[in-house]
Amino acid sequence: MSFFKRNRASFILLFIAIIFIFLGVWREEFEVVFKKAVNICLECIGLG
């Protein structure tokens, strides 16, 4: 059995994940996610 046939589900999920990443960057959602991540980190460390 070929490598690609055995791991077909993994490749499909990887492809879908890449599509969602590109859609998020295209919609400029990375700024919102980054701001939330910074706020959470600052709250956990106690600097904020």
PDB file of N, CA and C in Angstrom:
ATOM      1  N   MET A   1       0.842  -1.177   0.000  1.00  0.00           N
ATOM      2  CA  MET A   1       0.000   0.000   0.000  1.00  0.00           C
ATOM      3  C   MET A   1       0.889   1.243   0.000  1.00  0.00           C
ATOM      4  N   SER A   2       0.508   2.212  -0.758  1.00  0.00           N
ATOM      5  CA  SER A   2       1.308   3.422  -0.906  1.00  0.00           C
ATOM      6  C   SER A   2       1.223   4.313   0.331  1.00  0.00           C
ATOM      7  N   PHE A   3       2.229   5.142   0.494  1.00  0.00           N
ATOM      8  CA  PHE A   3       2.289   6.060   1.642  1.00  0.00           C
ATOM      9  C   PHE A   3       1.104   7.022   1.641  1.00  0.00           C
ATOM     10  N   PHE A   4       0.749   7.529   0.464  1.00  0.00           N
ATOM     11  CA  PHE A   4      -0.336   8.492   0.369  1.00  0.00           C
ATOM     12  C   PHE A   4      -1.701   7.860   0.610  1.00  0.00           C
ATOM     13  N   LYS A   5      -1.873   6.620   0.237  1.00  0.00           N
ATOM     14  CA  LYS A   5      -3.149   5.959   0.462  1.00  0.00           C
ATOM     15  C   LYS A   5      -3.363   5.670   1.945  1.00  0.00           C
ATOM     16  N   ARG A   6      -2.293   5.325   2.650  1.00  0.00           N
ATOM     17  CA  ARG A   6      -2.409   5.039   4.081  1.00  0.00           C
ATOM     18  C   ARG A   6      -2.702   6.303   4.887  1.00  0.00           C
ATOM     19  N   ASN A   7      -2.173   7.429   4.451  1.00  0.00           N
ATOM     20  CA  ASN A   7      -2.290   8.664   5.213  1.00  0.00           C
ATOM     21  C   ASN A   7      -3.211   9.676   4.539  1.00  0.00           C
ATOM     22  N   ARG A   8      -4.194   9.204   3.828  1.00  0.00           N
ATOM     23  CA  ARG A   8      -5.082  10.088   3.085  1.00  0.00           C
ATOM     24  C   ARG A   8      -5.830  11.036   4.019  1.00  0.00           C
ATOM     25  N   ALA A   9      -6.327  10.550   5.127  1.00  0.00           N
ATOM     26  CA  ALA A   9      -7.067  11.396   6.067  1.00  0.00           C
ATOM     27  C   ALA A   9      -6.160  12.483   6.640  1.00  0.00           C
ATOM     28  N   SER A  10      -4.925  12.144   6.927  1.00  0.00           N
ATOM     29  CA  SER A  10      -3.980  13.131   7.458  1.00  0.00           C
ATOM     30  C   SER A  10      -3.722  14.242   6.445  1.00  0.00           C
ATOM     31  N   PHE A  11      -3.551  13.880   5.182  1.00  0.00           N
ATOM     32  CA  PHE A  11      -3.304  14.886   4.155  1.00  0.00           C
ATOM     33  C   PHE A  11      -4.529  15.766   3.929  1.00  0.00           C
ATOM     34  N   ILE A  12      -5.702  15.185   3.994  1.00  0.00           N
ATOM     35  CA  ILE A  12      -6.928  15.981   3.831  1.00  0.00           C
ATOM     36  C   ILE A  12      -7.062  16.978   4.972  1.00  0.00           C
ATOM     37  N   LEU A  13      -6.835  16.535   6.214  1.00  0.00           N
ATOM     38  CA  LEU A  13      -6.914  17.441   7.360  1.00  0.00           C
ATOM     39  C   LEU A  13      -5.848  18.530   7.298  1.00  0.00           C
ATOM     40  N   LEU A  14      -4.648  18.180   6.852  1.00  0.00           N
ATOM     41  CA  LEU A  14      -3.583  19.169   6.700  1.00  0.00           C
ATOM     42  C   LEU A  14      -3.967  20.209   5.659  1.00  0.00           C
ATOM     43  N   PHE A  15      -4.525  19.780   4.550  1.00  0.00           N
ATOM     44  CA  PHE A  15      -4.953  20.692   3.488  1.00  0.00           C
ATOM     45  C   PHE A  15      -6.049  21.634   3.989  1.00  0.00           C
ATOM     46  N   ILE A  16      -7.011  21.109   4.727  1.00  0.00           N
ATOM     47  CA  ILE A  16      -8.089  21.938   5.275  1.00  0.00           C
ATOM     48  C   ILE A  16      -7.527  22.941   6.276  1.00  0.00           C
ATOM     49  N   ALA A  17      -6.584  22.523   7.108  1.00  0.00           N
ATOM     50  CA  ALA A  17      -5.967  23.431   8.078  1.00  0.00           C
ATOM     51  C   ALA A  17      -5.244  24.569   7.372  1.00  0.00           C
ATOM     52  N   ILE A  18      -4.523  24.268   6.311  1.00  0.00           N
ATOM     53  CA  ILE A  18      -3.810  25.307   5.559  1.00  0.00           C
ATOM     54  C   ILE A  18      -4.789  26.293   4.939  1.00  0.00           C
ATOM     55  N   ILE A  19      -5.905  25.787   4.424  1.00  0.00           N
ATOM     56  CA  ILE A  19      -6.927  26.671   3.854  1.00  0.00           C
ATOM     57  C   ILE A  19      -7.470  27.612   4.916  1.00  0.00           C
ATOM     58  N   PHE A  20      -7.771  27.091   6.116  1.00  0.00           N
ATOM     59  CA  PHE A  20      -8.295  27.933   7.181  1.00  0.00           C
ATOM     60  C   PHE A  20      -7.268  28.968   7.646  1.00  0.00           C
ATOM     61  N   ILE A  21      -6.001  28.611   7.661  1.00  0.00           N
ATOM     62  CA  ILE A  21      -4.958  29.577   8.032  1.00  0.00           C
ATOM     63  C   ILE A  21      -4.919  30.710   7.016  1.00  0.00           C
ATOM     64  N   PHE A  22      -4.940  30.386   5.733  1.00  0.00           N
ATOM     65  CA  PHE A  22      -4.919  31.424   4.707  1.00  0.00           C
ATOM     66  C   PHE A  22      -6.172  32.299   4.766  1.00  0.00           C
ATOM     67  N   LEU A  23      -7.334  31.692   5.053  1.00  0.00           N
ATOM     68  CA  LEU A  23      -8.550  32.495   5.176  1.00  0.00           C
ATOM     69  C   LEU A  23      -8.464  33.459   6.361  1.00  0.00           C
ATOM     70  N   GLY A  24      -7.914  33.019   7.471  1.00  0.00           N
ATOM     71  CA  GLY A  24      -7.750  33.881   8.631  1.00  0.00           C
ATOM     72  C   GLY A  24      -6.814  35.040   8.360  1.00  0.00           C
ATOM     73  N   VAL A  25      -5.718  34.774   7.659  1.00  0.00           N
ATOM     74  CA  VAL A  25      -4.781  35.844   7.310  1.00  0.00           C
ATOM     75  C   VAL A  25      -5.428  36.802   6.323  1.00  0.00           C
ATOM     76  N   TRP A  26      -6.174  36.281   5.373  1.00  0.00           N
ATOM     77  CA  TRP A  26      -6.840  37.115   4.367  1.00  0.00           C
ATOM     78  C   TRP A  26      -7.859  38.045   5.008  1.00  0.00           C
ATOM     79  N   ARG A  27      -8.565  37.557   6.040  1.00  0.00           N
ATOM     80  CA  ARG A  27      -9.568  38.357   6.734  1.00  0.00           C
ATOM     81  C   ARG A  27      -8.957  39.200   7.855  1.00  0.00           C
ATOM     82  N   GLU A  28      -7.639  39.151   7.995  1.00  0.00           N
ATOM     83  CA  GLU A  28      -6.874  39.915   8.982  1.00  0.00           C
ATOM     84  C   GLU A  28      -7.296  39.594  10.405  1.00  0.00           C
ATOM     85  N   GLU A  29      -7.601  38.344  10.658  1.00  0.00           N
ATOM     86  CA  GLU A  29      -7.990  37.921  12.000  1.00  0.00           C
ATOM     87  C   GLU A  29      -6.779  37.647  12.885  1.00  0.00           C
ATOM     88  N   PHE A  30      -5.590  37.609  12.284  1.00  0.00           N
ATOM     89  CA  PHE A  30      -4.396  37.349  13.082  1.00  0.00           C
ATOM     90  C   PHE A  30      -4.152  38.472  14.078  1.00  0.00           C
ATOM     91  N   GLU A  31      -4.580  39.706  13.751  1.00  0.00           N
ATOM     92  CA  GLU A  31      -4.412  40.824  14.675  1.00  0.00           C
ATOM     93  C   GLU A  31      -5.240  40.612  15.943  1.00  0.00           C
ATOM     94  N   VAL A  32      -6.467  40.167  15.767  1.00  0.00           N
ATOM     95  CA  VAL A  32      -7.351  39.928  16.913  1.00  0.00           C
ATOM     96  C   VAL A  32      -6.798  38.798  17.775  1.00  0.00           C
ATOM     97  N   VAL A  33      -6.371  37.729  17.141  1.00  0.00           N
ATOM     98  CA  VAL A  33      -5.832  36.586  17.877  1.00  0.00           C
ATOM     99  C   VAL A  33      -4.561  36.988  18.616  1.00  0.00           C
ATOM    100  N   PHE A  34      -3.708  37.782  17.980  1.00  0.00           N
ATOM    101  CA  PHE A  34      -2.468  38.211  18.615  1.00  0.00           C
ATOM    102  C   PHE A  34      -2.751  39.094  19.829  1.00  0.00           C
ATOM    103  N   LYS A  35      -3.699  40.024  19.709  1.00  0.00           N
ATOM    104  CA  LYS A  35      -4.053  40.892  20.841  1.00  0.00           C
ATOM    105  C   LYS A  35      -4.593  40.078  22.016  1.00  0.00           C
ATOM    106  N   LYS A  36      -5.434  39.103  21.731  1.00  0.00           N
ATOM    107  CA  LYS A  36      -5.975  38.254  22.803  1.00  0.00           C
ATOM    108  C   LYS A  36      -4.873  37.424  23.447  1.00  0.00           C
ATOM    109  N   ALA A  37      -3.957  36.918  22.654  1.00  0.00           N
ATOM    110  CA  ALA A  37      -2.857  36.116  23.192  1.00  0.00           C
ATOM    111  C   ALA A  37      -1.960  36.963  24.091  1.00  0.00           C
ATOM    112  N   VAL A  38      -1.689  38.187  23.682  1.00  0.00           N
ATOM    113  CA  VAL A  38      -0.862  39.074  24.499  1.00  0.00           C
ATOM    114  C   VAL A  38      -1.560  39.378  25.815  1.00  0.00           C
ATOM    115  N   ASN A  39      -2.853  39.666  25.763  1.00  0.00           N
ATOM    116  CA  ASN A  39      -3.585  39.972  27.000  1.00  0.00           C
ATOM    117  C   ASN A  39      -3.608  38.779  27.940  1.00  0.00           C
ATOM    118  N   ILE A  40      -3.813  37.601  27.422  1.00  0.00           N
ATOM    119  CA  ILE A  40      -3.837  36.403  28.270  1.00  0.00           C
ATOM    120  C   ILE A  40      -2.460  36.183  28.896  1.00  0.00           C
ATOM    121  N   CYS A  41      -1.399  36.338  28.117  1.00  0.00           N
ATOM    122  CA  CYS A  41      -0.045  36.130  28.642  1.00  0.00           C
ATOM    123  C   CYS A  41       0.278  37.146  29.726  1.00  0.00           C
ATOM    124  N   LEU A  42      -0.096  38.399  29.482  1.00  0.00           N
ATOM    125  CA  LEU A  42       0.207  39.433  30.482  1.00  0.00           C
ATOM    126  C   LEU A  42      -0.581  39.203  31.767  1.00  0.00           C
ATOM    127  N   GLU A  43      -1.812  38.689  31.665  1.00  0.00           N
ATOM    128  CA  GLU A  43      -2.592  38.409  32.852  1.00  0.00           C
ATOM    129  C   GLU A  43      -2.004  37.237  33.635  1.00  0.00           C
ATOM    130  N   CYS A  44      -1.527  36.222  32.924  1.00  0.00           N
ATOM    131  CA  CYS A  44      -0.951  35.056  33.612  1.00  0.00           C
ATOM    132  C   CYS A  44       0.346  35.413  34.314  1.00  0.00           C
ATOM    133  N   ILE A  45       1.158  36.222  33.678  1.00  0.00           N
ATOM    134  CA  ILE A  45       2.443  36.607  34.276  1.00  0.00           C
ATOM    135  C   ILE A  45       2.220  37.624  35.383  1.00  0.00           C
ATOM    136  N   GLY A  46       1.176  38.437  35.269  1.00  0.00           N
ATOM    137  CA  GLY A  46       0.869  39.421  36.292  1.00  0.00           C
ATOM    138  C   GLY A  46       1.429  40.795  35.986  1.00  0.00           C
ATOM    139  N   LEU A  47       1.829  41.029  34.756  1.00  0.00           N
ATOM    140  CA  LEU A  47       2.365  42.345  34.397  1.00  0.00           C
ATOM    141  C   LEU A  47       1.268  43.320  34.019  1.00  0.00           C
ATOM    142  N   GLY A  48       0.108  42.819  33.657  1.00  0.00           N
ATOM    143  CA  GLY A  48      -0.971  43.691  33.176  1.00  0.00           C
ATOM    144  C   GLY A  48      -1.803  44.081  34.290  1.00  0.00           C
TER     145      GLY A  48
END
